Amino acid sequence: QVHLVESGGGLVQAGGSLRLSCAASGRTFVGSYTMGWFRQAPGKEREFVAAIRAPGSRTYYADSVKGRFTISRDNAKNTVYLQMNSLKPEDTAVYYCNAIESVATMSPSGSWGQGTQVTVSS
């Protein structure tokens, strides 16, 4: 069974940057599945943020983060990253990674990890 662990969150001022990591353990996983980042803000439903397709490396982004966030992966490290630049207070949320079942719906396919908190102050 694959276990996903998110890290890299923290408190940052508006306009700042953070890099999130999602490490998969258990077996080679990140390079074999389309992987995505999601986030959940207080009082809101979890929403799609970004995805990177496998095989290949086509990327997808929510309109709210396009041009500011970049998703990537390192197959050798079995890790997916989310580089977040020009952060805004509305980016404040708990960020989660997951495998994606279908790029048509961006529906997650596995169980959720503990997530990593990102807080952007104004």
Protein backbone atom coordinates (compact mmCIF):
# COMPACT_ATOMS: atom_id res chain seq x y z
CA GLN A 1 0.00 0.00 0.00
CA VAL A 2 1.33 3.45 -0.92
CA HIS A 3 1.62 6.07 1.80
CA LEU A 4 1.78 9.75 0.79
CA VAL A 5 3.36 12.32 3.11
CA GLU A 6 3.06 16.03 2.43
CA SER A 7 5.51 18.59 3.81
CA GLY A 8 6.87 22.09 3.23
CA GLY A 9 3.98 24.20 4.40
CA GLY A 10 4.32 27.19 6.69
CA LEU A 11 3.53 30.83 7.31
CA VAL A 12 4.53 33.28 4.60
CA GLN A 13 3.71 36.86 3.74
CA ALA A 14 1.70 37.72 0.66
CA GLY A 15 3.94 37.71 -2.39
CA GLY A 16 6.21 35.08 -0.92
CA SER A 17 6.98 31.54 -2.04
CA LEU A 18 6.83 28.01 -0.68
CA ARG A 19 7.71 24.62 -2.09
CA LEU A 20 5.59 21.68 -1.04
CA SER A 21 6.72 18.07 -1.28
CA CYS A 22 4.72 14.86 -1.45
CA ALA A 23 6.79 11.76 -0.81
CA ALA A 24 5.40 8.34 -1.66
CA SER A 25 6.56 5.29 0.23
CA GLY A 26 5.83 1.65 -0.24
CA ARG A 27 6.58 1.21 -3.93
CA THR A 28 7.46 3.15 -7.04
CA PHE A 29 4.39 5.26 -7.52
CA VAL A 30 4.89 8.88 -8.53
CA GLY A 31 6.20 8.10 -12.00
CA SER A 32 3.47 5.58 -12.76
CA TYR A 33 0.34 7.58 -11.90
CA THR A 34 -1.04 10.99 -12.65
CA MET A 35 -0.49 12.92 -9.43
CA GLY A 36 -2.23 15.98 -8.14
CA TRP A 37 -2.33 18.60 -5.45
CA PHE A 38 -5.55 19.64 -3.75
CA ARG A 39 -6.31 22.13 -1.00
CA GLN A 40 -9.01 22.74 1.57
CA ALA A 41 -9.56 26.12 3.14
CA PRO A 42 -11.50 26.53 6.41
CA GLY A 43 -15.21 26.13 5.82
CA LYS A 44 -14.76 25.15 2.19
CA GLU A 45 -14.70 21.94 0.22
CA ARG A 46 -11.44 20.41 -0.96
CA GLU A 47 -10.54 21.67 -4.42
CA PHE A 48 -8.18 20.71 -7.23
CA VAL A 49 -5.01 22.79 -7.56
CA ALA A 50 -2.61 21.12 -10.01
CA ALA A 51 -1.82 17.80 -11.67
CA ILE A 52 1.01 16.19 -13.59
CA ARG A 53 0.21 13.38 -15.96
CA ALA A 54 1.91 9.99 -16.20
CA PRO A 55 3.16 8.78 -18.53
CA GLY A 56 4.55 12.02 -19.89
CA SER A 57 4.58 15.28 -17.99
CA ARG A 58 1.64 17.30 -19.15
CA THR A 59 0.50 19.63 -16.41
CA TYR A 60 -2.89 21.03 -15.45
CA TYR A 61 -3.75 23.93 -13.15
CA ALA A 62 -6.77 25.49 -11.57
CA ASP A 63 -7.41 28.95 -12.98
CA SER A 64 -6.82 30.50 -9.56
CA VAL A 65 -3.18 29.34 -9.47
CA LYS A 66 -2.23 29.35 -13.14
CA GLY A 67 0.98 31.30 -13.73
CA ARG A 68 1.90 31.25 -10.03
CA PHE A 69 2.17 27.55 -9.13
CA THR A 70 4.26 24.85 -10.81
CA ILE A 71 3.88 21.11 -10.28
CA SER A 72 6.77 18.74 -10.95
CA ARG A 73 8.00 15.32 -9.92
CA ASP A 74 11.22 13.44 -9.31
CA ASN A 75 10.66 9.79 -10.17
CA ALA A 76 13.97 8.73 -8.59
CA LYS A 77 12.87 10.24 -5.28
CA ASN A 78 9.25 9.11 -5.71
CA THR A 79 8.25 12.68 -4.88
CA VAL A 80 5.91 15.30 -6.32
CA TYR A 81 6.49 19.01 -5.74
CA LEU A 82 4.37 22.14 -5.83
CA GLN A 83 6.30 25.38 -6.22
CA MET A 84 4.07 28.24 -5.12
CA ASN A 85 5.05 31.80 -5.99
CA SER A 86 3.30 35.14 -5.58
CA LEU A 87 1.23 33.69 -2.77
CA LYS A 88 -2.02 35.39 -1.82
CA PRO A 89 -4.03 35.24 1.42
CA GLU A 90 -6.70 33.25 -0.45
CA ASP A 91 -4.13 30.49 -0.98
CA THR A 92 -4.32 29.75 2.74
CA ALA A 93 -5.41 26.13 3.13
CA VAL A 94 -4.30 22.63 4.01
CA TYR A 95 -2.63 21.17 0.92
CA TYR A 96 -2.88 17.48 0.06
CA CYS A 97 -1.48 15.29 -2.69
CA ASN A 98 -3.12 12.25 -4.20
CA ALA A 99 -3.15 10.10 -7.28
CA ILE A 100 -5.72 11.20 -9.83
CA GLU A 101 -8.14 8.73 -11.31
CA SER A 102 -9.11 10.76 -14.37
CA VAL A 103 -7.82 14.03 -15.79
CA ALA A 104 -11.31 14.58 -17.18
CA THR A 105 -12.68 15.03 -13.69
CA MET A 106 -9.50 15.46 -11.60
CA SER A 107 -11.01 13.06 -9.13
CA PRO A 108 -8.62 11.67 -6.51
CA SER A 109 -8.19 7.93 -6.39
CA GLY A 110 -6.55 7.13 -3.09
CA SER A 111 -6.84 7.87 0.58
CA TRP A 112 -5.77 11.27 1.95
CA GLY A 113 -2.67 11.97 3.98
CA GLN A 114 -2.41 14.46 6.81
CA GLY A 115 -1.74 17.39 4.49
CA THR A 116 0.48 20.41 5.09
CA GLN A 117 -0.79 23.78 6.27
CA VAL A 118 -0.06 26.87 4.20
CA THR A 119 -0.90 30.22 5.74
CA VAL A 120 -0.42 33.45 3.78
CA SER A 121 -0.61 36.68 5.74
CA SER A 122 -1.61 39.97 4.17
